Structures are given as C-alpha cells and as structure tokens.
Amino acid sequence: MLGDNRDNSADSRYIGLVPRHLLIGKAARVLVSVDILGLWLPRLERFGQALV
C-alpha cells in the first residue's frame, strides 16, 4: 500500500506489509496504466476502464 505523498509518507515501505485480513474495499477501475515492456508509455485505452 502506497500513500498519496510517496516521497514523504509512512506507508508499507516503512511499516511493512498489511495483512490481507485488514484490507477492506474493492478495486473497481484502472486509474493509470503503463506498458512496462514498451518504454513505459501510457496505455491510454486502459485509463478509467472498469475491472471485471
């Protein structure tokens, strides 16, 4: 879990992993997507796409 202020945030990189039973909520949409094998270019067709 990353905080929204990545450079100045006490998130899982500092406090460790969050146990699965403590996670609540459900992912519903793709916010940002990049092609990690293609020069990190954005995959615009995936932005905002609903997850099934």
Protein backbone atom coordinates (compact mmCIF):
# COMPACT_ATOMS: atom_id res chain seq x y z
CA MET A 1 0.00 0.00 0.00
CA LEU A 2 1.46 3.34 -1.05
CA GLY A 3 0.48 6.68 0.37
CA ASP A 4 -0.53 9.56 -1.92
CA ASN A 5 2.53 11.58 -0.85
CA ARG A 6 5.06 8.98 -1.91
CA ASP A 7 8.24 10.88 -1.01
CA ASN A 8 7.01 11.90 2.46
CA SER A 9 4.58 9.20 3.53
CA ALA A 10 4.66 6.47 6.17
CA ASP A 11 3.29 3.67 4.02
CA SER A 12 4.05 -0.05 3.68
CA ARG A 13 7.61 0.67 2.58
CA TYR A 14 8.25 1.85 6.16
CA ILE A 15 5.72 -0.01 8.32
CA GLY A 16 5.79 -3.32 6.44
CA LEU A 17 3.16 -5.34 4.63
CA VAL A 18 -0.51 -5.01 5.52
CA PRO A 19 -2.11 -8.33 6.47
CA ARG A 20 -4.76 -9.36 3.93
CA HIS A 21 -7.50 -9.65 6.58
CA LEU A 22 -7.10 -5.92 7.35
CA LEU A 23 -7.70 -4.82 3.75
CA ILE A 24 -11.18 -3.53 3.05
CA GLY A 25 -12.77 -2.29 -0.15
CA LYS A 26 -12.51 -3.47 -3.71
CA ALA A 27 -10.73 -2.13 -6.79
CA ALA A 28 -13.29 -1.08 -9.42
CA ARG A 29 -11.39 0.90 -12.09
CA VAL A 30 -7.93 1.35 -13.59
CA LEU A 31 -6.52 4.74 -12.67
CA VAL A 32 -3.24 4.72 -14.63
CA SER A 33 -1.66 2.03 -16.79
CA VAL A 34 1.74 1.91 -18.48
CA ASP A 35 3.39 -0.60 -20.80
CA ILE A 36 6.37 -1.76 -18.72
CA LEU A 37 7.80 -3.69 -21.69
CA GLY A 38 7.37 -0.82 -24.16
CA LEU A 39 9.42 2.12 -22.85
CA TRP A 40 6.91 2.87 -20.07
CA LEU A 41 4.48 4.54 -22.43
CA PRO A 42 0.96 5.14 -21.10
CA ARG A 43 -1.77 2.74 -22.21
CA LEU A 44 -4.48 5.36 -22.68
CA GLU A 45 -7.11 2.79 -23.68
CA ARG A 46 -7.00 1.41 -20.09
CA PHE A 47 -7.40 4.70 -18.18
CA GLY A 48 -10.69 4.61 -16.29
CA GLN A 49 -11.58 1.14 -17.55
CA ALA A 50 -13.81 -0.91 -15.26
CA LEU A 51 -12.33 -4.06 -13.74
CA VAL A 52 -14.29 -7.27 -14.13
